Amino acid sequence: MTIFDELKARGLLAQLTDEEEIKELINNGKATFYIGFDPTADSLHVGHFMALCLMKRLQMAGNKPIALIGGGTGMIGDPSGRSDMRTMMTPELIQHNCDCFKVQMSKFIDFSEGKAMMVNNADWLMELNYIELLREVGAHFSVNRMLTAECYKQRMEKGLSFLEFNYMIMQSYDFYVLYQKYGCNMQFGGDDQWSNMLGGTELIRRKLGKDAYAMTITLLLNSEGNKMGKTQKGAVWLDPNKTPPYEFFQYWRNVADADVLKCIRMLTFLPLEQIDEMDKWEGSELNKAKEILAFELTKMIHGEEEANKALESARALFTSGNAADMPTAELKDEDFEEDKIDILSMLVASGLVASRSEGRRAVEQGGVTVDGEKVSDIKAVFEKEQLTGEGLILKRGKKSFKKVIYKN
């Protein structure tokens, strides 16, 4: 199976400027392609997974990836998919975030000599002369056409700043520069970037008389049509300090039944034949599929040792209940009254509920257990000594839990 056929079979392809040319390039390892990453945080998150996996697949097929860090465009902000304006960032913060990105990307991409590159568009965008840009680049863009782009339509409702209006021109200019400096002939990105990517291919054609190509990849959406990678706490990060390996594992272990096979197909490197067999699974077998998904992705990001720890801890939650690597809430002396703590206070202190009234509802609805035993009394209390050592596993609902401990 060719790499193009595999991408198609995994459901990754969305829009392509020229299917036959793109197929020819990537199947024969002739693509030097780039994907852009905005350095708006010091860690990549689950939303970047698709792009990173695509870069790895294409590099394995002999193509050369360029990870473009938006140090320059990050000073402006991409309006795509947003209803508000992005926060301005300092050059120092952007550089710090870029350094963090490379460490995480190296788990997917081989950056050794000649295999891949990481470049920062600040290197050319920050030196641009405004008059020169208007004459050399701005003249090739139609304002009427730009305003029809989906990314601008969304912002027009609340007010699109001139600063953000320039984003498409900047991204198009990136492609133009990368084409000239590094022979970059393709751009990949999320499906919400289509208009910006077309701007780049058109600029190359108008300025250089050359053909360049663009392809978007399917956005990672759940069965309800929402972007995956968000929890009540916020984004699911690839940095273990922001999202610990166990919580990362649990996010994937708890995806909906309707989403698990799609995620396995799009995100893992398991053979398609194996995944096709799993397509027949149903009922309790889907729990096994979720475990496979969670293990494979945790291994990819955090290594096999952490993936095994997370797997053992997840299984322990439903068996013996005690595992070293679960998310932990450590209680303090002030949380106790006469060396005792009631169930509502423990729920609040652990962060599983925001208030005692929310905790009361959870208990009354039968959704709270301690070490596997349902707690039905809102006045239930626990001794300080019960929380020393291994502590107790406090669980709310099917997916939220903490190991609650007290240390002298």
Foldseek 3Di string as FASTA:
>chain_A
DFLVVLCVVLQWFDDKPDVVVVSVCQRQLNAEEEEEDELLDLFAFPQCLLVLQVQLSSLVSNHEYEYEYALPLNQQAALQPHQDGDDGDDSVSSVNSVVSHVVQSVLRAPPPPPSYYYYYLCVPNVPDDPVCCCVLQVVQDDPVVLCVQPSNVSHVVVDDDPSNSCSLSSLLVVLLVCCVPPVRQEYEEAPSCVVSRVSNQSSCCVNPVDGGMYTYTYACAAPVGHHPQADPVGGGTLDCVVPNLLNQLLSLLPGDLRCLLSLCSSRAPPDPVVSVVLVPDDDPVSSVSSLVSSLRVSCSRPNNVSSVLSSVQVVCCVPQNFGDPFAAQEDDPVLDDVQKHFPLSQCCSGVVDVHSVVVLVQLCVQFKDKSPHTRNDRRHMDGLVCQADRAIWIGGHDRDIHRYHYDD
